[in-house]
PDB file of all heavy atoms in Angstrom:
ATOM      1  N   ALA A   1      74.197  65.107  97.992  1.00  0.00           N
ATOM      2  CA  ALA A   1      75.076  65.331  99.143  1.00  0.00           C
ATOM      3  C   ALA A   1      76.365  64.535  98.957  1.00  0.00           C
ATOM      4  O   ALA A   1      76.656  63.574  99.677  1.00  0.00           O
ATOM      5  CB  ALA A   1      74.375  64.940 100.428  1.00  0.00           C
ATOM      6  N   ASP A   2      77.145  64.937  97.945  1.00  0.00           N
ATOM      7  CA  ASP A   2      78.481  64.406  97.719  1.00  0.00           C
ATOM      8  C   ASP A   2      79.467  65.526  98.007  1.00  0.00           C
ATOM      9  O   ASP A   2      79.424  66.583  97.351  1.00  0.00           O
ATOM     10  CB  ASP A   2      78.658  63.928  96.274  1.00  0.00           C
ATOM     11  CG  ASP A   2      77.806  62.719  95.928  1.00  0.00           C
ATOM     12  OD1 ASP A   2      77.141  62.172  96.831  1.00  0.00           O
ATOM     13  OD2 ASP A   2      77.800  62.317  94.746  1.00  0.00           O
ATOM     14  N   LEU A   3      80.347  65.324  98.995  1.00  0.00           N
ATOM     15  CA  LEU A   3      81.239  66.384  99.452  1.00  0.00           C
ATOM     16  C   LEU A   3      82.641  65.852  99.673  1.00  0.00           C
ATOM     17  O   LEU A   3      82.832  64.677 100.006  1.00  0.00           O
ATOM     18  CB  LEU A   3      80.740  66.986 100.779  1.00  0.00           C
ATOM     19  CG  LEU A   3      79.322  67.533 100.870  1.00  0.00           C
ATOM     20  CD1 LEU A   3      78.341  66.445 101.270  1.00  0.00           C
ATOM     21  CD2 LEU A   3      79.258  68.648 101.902  1.00  0.00           C
ATOM     22  N   THR A   4      83.617  66.741  99.495  1.00  0.00           N
ATOM     23  CA  THR A   4      84.993  66.444  99.830  1.00  0.00           C
ATOM     24  C   THR A   4      85.493  67.503 100.806  1.00  0.00           C
ATOM     25  O   THR A   4      85.204  68.691 100.611  1.00  0.00           O
ATOM     26  CB  THR A   4      85.894  66.437  98.576  1.00  0.00           C
ATOM     27  OG1 THR A   4      85.383  65.470  97.653  1.00  0.00           O
ATOM     28  CG2 THR A   4      87.322  66.071  98.929  1.00  0.00           C
ATOM     29  N   VAL A   5      86.221  67.068 101.832  1.00  0.00           N
ATOM     30  CA  VAL A   5      86.727  67.988 102.851  1.00  0.00           C
ATOM     31  C   VAL A   5      88.240  67.918 102.875  1.00  0.00           C
ATOM     32  O   VAL A   5      88.813  66.837 103.076  1.00  0.00           O
ATOM     33  CB  VAL A   5      86.153  67.658 104.238  1.00  0.00           C
ATOM     34  CG1 VAL A   5      86.654  68.672 105.271  1.00  0.00           C
ATOM     35  CG2 VAL A   5      84.628  67.635 104.208  1.00  0.00           C
ATOM     36  N   PHE A   6      88.889  69.063 102.663  1.00  0.00           N
ATOM     37  CA  PHE A   6      90.341  69.168 102.689  1.00  0.00           C
ATOM     38  C   PHE A   6      90.805  69.945 103.901  1.00  0.00           C
ATOM     39  O   PHE A   6      90.120  70.868 104.356  1.00  0.00           O
ATOM     40  CB  PHE A   6      90.838  69.909 101.431  1.00  0.00           C
ATOM     41  CG  PHE A   6      90.545  69.208 100.136  1.00  0.00           C
ATOM     42  CD1 PHE A   6      89.553  69.674  99.297  1.00  0.00           C
ATOM     43  CD2 PHE A   6      91.255  68.084  99.760  1.00  0.00           C
ATOM     44  CE1 PHE A   6      89.277  69.055  98.088  1.00  0.00           C
ATOM     45  CE2 PHE A   6      91.004  67.438  98.558  1.00  0.00           C
ATOM     46  CZ  PHE A   6      90.006  67.927  97.723  1.00  0.00           C
ATOM     47  N   ALA A   7      91.989  69.627 104.377  1.00  0.00           N
ATOM     48  CA  ALA A   7      92.593  70.408 105.452  1.00  0.00           C
ATOM     49  C   ALA A   7      92.957  71.808 104.963  1.00  0.00           C
ATOM     50  O   ALA A   7      92.899  72.780 105.728  1.00  0.00           O
ATOM     51  CB  ALA A   7      93.825  69.709 106.007  1.00  0.00           C
ATOM     52  N   LEU A   8      93.335  71.914 103.672  1.00  0.00           N
ATOM     53  CA  LEU A   8      93.732  73.197 103.088  1.00  0.00           C
ATOM     54  C   LEU A   8      92.707  73.632 102.041  1.00  0.00           C
ATOM     55  O   LEU A   8      92.006  72.808 101.464  1.00  0.00           O
ATOM     56  CB  LEU A   8      95.115  73.089 102.459  1.00  0.00           C
ATOM     57  CG  LEU A   8      96.246  72.645 103.386  1.00  0.00           C
ATOM     58  CD1 LEU A   8      97.564  72.540 102.618  1.00  0.00           C
ATOM     59  CD2 LEU A   8      96.392  73.614 104.563  1.00  0.00           C
ATOM     60  N   ASP A   9      92.704  74.931 101.768  1.00  0.00           N
ATOM     61  CA  ASP A   9      91.736  75.501 100.842  1.00  0.00           C
ATOM     62  C   ASP A   9      92.287  75.454  99.407  1.00  0.00           C
ATOM     63  O   ASP A   9      93.280  76.124  99.110  1.00  0.00           O
ATOM     64  CB  ASP A   9      91.463  76.961 101.250  1.00  0.00           C
ATOM     65  CG  ASP A   9      90.451  77.643 100.352  1.00  0.00           C
ATOM     66  OD1 ASP A   9      89.950  77.004  99.399  1.00  0.00           O
ATOM     67  OD2 ASP A   9      90.165  78.831 100.595  1.00  0.00           O
ATOM     68  N   PRO A  10      91.673  74.718  98.512  1.00  0.00           N
ATOM     69  CA  PRO A  10      92.204  74.623  97.149  1.00  0.00           C
ATOM     70  C   PRO A  10      92.153  75.934  96.371  1.00  0.00           C
ATOM     71  O   PRO A  10      92.859  76.073  95.365  1.00  0.00           O
ATOM     72  CB  PRO A  10      91.292  73.569  96.492  1.00  0.00           C
ATOM     73  CG  PRO A  10      90.037  73.594  97.283  1.00  0.00           C
ATOM     74  CD  PRO A  10      90.446  73.899  98.681  1.00  0.00           C
ATOM     75  N   LEU A  11      91.364  76.893  96.832  1.00  0.00           N
ATOM     76  CA  LEU A  11      91.252  78.155  96.116  1.00  0.00           C
ATOM     77  C   LEU A  11      92.186  79.247  96.642  1.00  0.00           C
ATOM     78  O   LEU A  11      92.314  80.301  96.015  1.00  0.00           O
ATOM     79  CB  LEU A  11      89.822  78.677  96.153  1.00  0.00           C
ATOM     80  CG  LEU A  11      88.757  77.788  95.501  1.00  0.00           C
ATOM     81  CD1 LEU A  11      87.414  78.501  95.455  1.00  0.00           C
ATOM     82  CD2 LEU A  11      89.184  77.347  94.098  1.00  0.00           C
ATOM     83  N   SER A  12      92.860  78.998  97.770  1.00  0.00           N
ATOM     84  CA  SER A  12      93.705  80.059  98.324  1.00  0.00           C
ATOM     85  C   SER A  12      95.158  79.647  98.535  1.00  0.00           C
ATOM     86  O   SER A  12      96.058  80.489  98.441  1.00  0.00           O
ATOM     87  CB  SER A  12      93.123  80.589  99.642  1.00  0.00           C
ATOM     88  OG  SER A  12      93.123  79.578 100.638  1.00  0.00           O
ATOM     89  N   VAL A  13      95.436  78.376  98.815  1.00  0.00           N
ATOM     90  CA  VAL A  13      96.839  77.979  99.028  1.00  0.00           C
ATOM     91  C   VAL A  13      97.502  77.721  97.685  1.00  0.00           C
ATOM     92  O   VAL A  13      96.837  77.484  96.666  1.00  0.00           O
ATOM     93  CB  VAL A  13      96.949  76.739  99.938  1.00  0.00           C
ATOM     94  CG1 VAL A  13      96.292  76.993 101.272  1.00  0.00           C
ATOM     95  CG2 VAL A  13      96.377  75.496  99.269  1.00  0.00           C
ATOM     96  N   GLY A  14      98.797  77.728  97.660  1.00  0.00           N
ATOM     97  CA  GLY A  14      99.543  77.442  96.442  1.00  0.00           C
ATOM     98  C   GLY A  14      99.332  76.017  95.977  1.00  0.00           C
ATOM     99  O   GLY A  14      99.069  75.116  96.790  1.00  0.00           O
ATOM    100  N   PRO A  15      99.428  75.770  94.667  1.00  0.00           N
ATOM    101  CA  PRO A  15      99.145  74.428  94.155  1.00  0.00           C
ATOM    102  C   PRO A  15     100.081  73.350  94.665  1.00  0.00           C
ATOM    103  O   PRO A  15      99.636  72.231  94.931  1.00  0.00           O
ATOM    104  CB  PRO A  15      99.260  74.596  92.633  1.00  0.00           C
ATOM    105  CG  PRO A  15      99.946  75.897  92.406  1.00  0.00           C
ATOM    106  CD  PRO A  15      99.650  76.747  93.588  1.00  0.00           C
ATOM    107  N   ASP A  16     101.370  73.666  94.836  1.00  0.00           N
ATOM    108  CA  ASP A  16     102.277  72.654  95.401  1.00  0.00           C
ATOM    109  C   ASP A  16     101.862  72.276  96.814  1.00  0.00           C
ATOM    110  O   ASP A  16     101.931  71.108  97.215  1.00  0.00           O
ATOM    111  CB  ASP A  16     103.715  73.182  95.402  1.00  0.00           C
ATOM    112  CG  ASP A  16     104.350  73.190  94.024  1.00  0.00           C
ATOM    113  OD1 ASP A  16     104.300  72.139  93.350  1.00  0.00           O
ATOM    114  OD2 ASP A  16     104.868  74.230  93.611  1.00  0.00           O
ATOM    115  N   GLU A  17     101.452  73.267  97.585  1.00  0.00           N
ATOM    116  CA  GLU A  17     101.008  73.006  98.958  1.00  0.00           C
ATOM    117  C   GLU A  17      99.704  72.214  98.964  1.00  0.00           C
ATOM    118  O   GLU A  17      99.537  71.261  99.742  1.00  0.00           O
ATOM    119  CB  GLU A  17     100.845  74.335  99.699  1.00  0.00           C
ATOM    120  CG  GLU A  17     100.547  74.172 101.170  1.00  0.00           C
ATOM    121  CD  GLU A  17     100.399  75.505 101.905  1.00  0.00           C
ATOM    122  OE1 GLU A  17     100.450  76.565 101.230  1.00  0.00           O
ATOM    123  OE2 GLU A  17     100.231  75.487 103.146  1.00  0.00           O
ATOM    124  N   PHE A  18      98.777  72.587  98.085  1.00  0.00           N
ATOM    125  CA  PHE A  18      97.496  71.875  98.058  1.00  0.00           C
ATOM    126  C   PHE A  18      97.678  70.407  97.688  1.00  0.00           C
ATOM    127  O   PHE A  18      96.955  69.540  98.191  1.00  0.00           O
ATOM    128  CB  PHE A  18      96.521  72.533  97.085  1.00  0.00           C
ATOM    129  CG  PHE A  18      95.233  71.769  96.946  1.00  0.00           C
ATOM    130  CD1 PHE A  18      94.354  71.687  98.014  1.00  0.00           C
ATOM    131  CD2 PHE A  18      94.929  71.088  95.780  1.00  0.00           C
ATOM    132  CE1 PHE A  18      93.176  70.943  97.904  1.00  0.00           C
ATOM    133  CE2 PHE A  18      93.770  70.349  95.671  1.00  0.00           C
ATOM    134  CZ  PHE A  18      92.882  70.280  96.730  1.00  0.00           C
ATOM    135  N   ALA A  19      98.644  70.105  96.828  1.00  0.00           N
ATOM    136  CA  ALA A  19      98.871  68.715  96.427  1.00  0.00           C
ATOM    137  C   ALA A  19      99.173  67.812  97.616  1.00  0.00           C
ATOM    138  O   ALA A  19      98.984  66.596  97.537  1.00  0.00           O
ATOM    139  CB  ALA A  19      99.996  68.649  95.408  1.00  0.00           C
ATOM    140  N   GLU A  20      99.649  68.406  98.711  1.00  0.00           N
ATOM    141  CA  GLU A  20      99.970  67.636  99.924  1.00  0.00           C
ATOM    142  C   GLU A  20      98.900  67.752 100.998  1.00  0.00           C
ATOM    143  O   GLU A  20      99.070  67.240 102.104  1.00  0.00           O
ATOM    144  CB  GLU A  20     101.312  68.128 100.498  1.00  0.00           C
ATOM    145  CG  GLU A  20     102.485  67.988  99.540  1.00  0.00           C
ATOM    146  CD  GLU A  20     102.776  66.541  99.190  1.00  0.00           C
ATOM    147  OE1 GLU A  20     102.578  65.675 100.072  1.00  0.00           O
ATOM    148  OE2 GLU A  20     103.165  66.274  98.041  1.00  0.00           O
ATOM    149  N   SER A  21      97.782  68.401 100.675  1.00  0.00           N
ATOM    150  CA  SER A  21      96.738  68.629 101.688  1.00  0.00           C
ATOM    151  C   SER A  21      96.119  67.314 102.155  1.00  0.00           C
ATOM    152  O   SER A  21      95.699  66.490 101.325  1.00  0.00           O
ATOM    153  CB  SER A  21      95.631  69.514 101.126  1.00  0.00           C
ATOM    154  OG  SER A  21      94.551  69.616 102.042  1.00  0.00           O
ATOM    155  N   PRO A  22      96.006  67.082 103.446  1.00  0.00           N
ATOM    156  CA  PRO A  22      95.247  65.924 103.914  1.00  0.00           C
ATOM    157  C   PRO A  22      93.782  66.010 103.490  1.00  0.00           C
ATOM    158  O   PRO A  22      93.206  67.095 103.378  1.00  0.00           O
ATOM    159  CB  PRO A  22      95.375  65.995 105.438  1.00  0.00           C
ATOM    160  CG  PRO A  22      96.597  66.819 105.673  1.00  0.00           C
ATOM    161  CD  PRO A  22      96.635  67.823 104.561  1.00  0.00           C
ATOM    162  N   VAL A  23      93.200  64.862 103.195  1.00  0.00           N
ATOM    163  CA  VAL A  23      91.757  64.757 102.987  1.00  0.00           C
ATOM    164  C   VAL A  23      91.130  64.368 104.315  1.00  0.00           C
ATOM    165  O   VAL A  23      91.472  63.341 104.907  1.00  0.00           O
ATOM    166  CB  VAL A  23      91.419  63.713 101.907  1.00  0.00           C
ATOM    167  CG1 VAL A  23      89.911  63.507 101.805  1.00  0.00           C
ATOM    168  CG2 VAL A  23      91.997  64.134 100.564  1.00  0.00           C
ATOM    169  N   GLU A  24      90.250  65.216 104.807  1.00  0.00           N
ATOM    170  CA  GLU A  24      89.637  64.976 106.114  1.00  0.00           C
ATOM    171  C   GLU A  24      88.431  64.033 106.030  1.00  0.00           C
ATOM    172  O   GLU A  24      88.189  63.239 106.940  1.00  0.00           O
ATOM    173  CB  GLU A  24      89.184  66.310 106.727  1.00  0.00           C
ATOM    174  CG  GLU A  24      90.283  67.346 106.872  1.00  0.00           C
ATOM    175  CD  GLU A  24      91.165  67.082 108.069  1.00  0.00           C
ATOM    176  OE1 GLU A  24      90.955  66.083 108.764  1.00  0.00           O
ATOM    177  OE2 GLU A  24      92.090  67.886 108.306  1.00  0.00           O
ATOM    178  N   LEU A  25      87.680  64.148 104.910  1.00  0.00           N
ATOM    179  CA  LEU A  25      86.400  63.437 104.848  1.00  0.00           C
ATOM    180  C   LEU A  25      85.938  63.390 103.396  1.00  0.00           C
ATOM    181  O   LEU A  25      86.198  64.327 102.634  1.00  0.00           O
ATOM    182  CB  LEU A  25      85.367  64.201 105.671  1.00  0.00           C
ATOM    183  CG  LEU A  25      84.147  63.492 106.243  1.00  0.00           C
ATOM    184  CD1 LEU A  25      84.545  62.566 107.379  1.00  0.00           C
ATOM    185  CD2 LEU A  25      83.146  64.536 106.762  1.00  0.00           C
ATOM    186  N   THR A  26      85.290  62.302 103.002  1.00  0.00           N
ATOM    187  CA  THR A  26      84.469  62.321 101.801  1.00  0.00           C
ATOM    188  C   THR A  26      83.080  61.808 102.182  1.00  0.00           C
ATOM    189  O   THR A  26      82.938  60.906 103.012  1.00  0.00           O
ATOM    190  CB  THR A  26      85.039  61.460 100.664  1.00  0.00           C
ATOM    191  OG1 THR A  26      85.144  60.104 101.084  1.00  0.00           O
ATOM    192  CG2 THR A  26      86.397  61.971 100.212  1.00  0.00           C
ATOM    193  N   VAL A  27      82.093  62.410 101.557  1.00  0.00           N
ATOM    194  CA  VAL A  27      80.695  62.056 101.809  1.00  0.00           C
ATOM    195  C   VAL A  27      80.053  61.735 100.461  1.00  0.00           C
ATOM    196  O   VAL A  27      80.162  62.526  99.510  1.00  0.00           O
ATOM    197  CB  VAL A  27      79.935  63.211 102.494  1.00  0.00           C
ATOM    198  CG1 VAL A  27      78.464  62.883 102.654  1.00  0.00           C
ATOM    199  CG2 VAL A  27      80.563  63.521 103.852  1.00  0.00           C
ATOM    200  N   VAL A  28      79.412  60.585 100.357  1.00  0.00           N
ATOM    201  CA  VAL A  28      78.732  60.178  99.145  1.00  0.00           C
ATOM    202  C   VAL A  28      77.290  59.849  99.501  1.00  0.00           C
ATOM    203  O   VAL A  28      77.024  59.039 100.403  1.00  0.00           O
ATOM    204  CB  VAL A  28      79.413  58.948  98.499  1.00  0.00           C
ATOM    205  CG1 VAL A  28      78.659  58.501  97.252  1.00  0.00           C
ATOM    206  CG2 VAL A  28      80.873  59.260  98.159  1.00  0.00           C
ATOM    207  N   ASP A  29      76.361  60.516  98.794  1.00  0.00           N
ATOM    208  CA  ASP A  29      74.944  60.259  99.033  1.00  0.00           C
ATOM    209  C   ASP A  29      74.564  60.512 100.492  1.00  0.00           C
ATOM    210  O   ASP A  29      73.721  59.829 101.066  1.00  0.00           O
ATOM    211  CB  ASP A  29      74.601  58.826  98.636  1.00  0.00           C
ATOM    212  CG  ASP A  29      73.117  58.644  98.349  1.00  0.00           C
ATOM    213  OD1 ASP A  29      72.458  59.616  97.950  1.00  0.00           O
ATOM    214  OD2 ASP A  29      72.603  57.519  98.522  1.00  0.00           O
TER     215      ASP A  29
END
């Protein structure tokens, strides 16, 4: 259960836009 949560979708938004995406959450173990 290691997860990363982004405000933007890395698979659908443009790469320049994704580079500025806020990180909402990380979960480790």
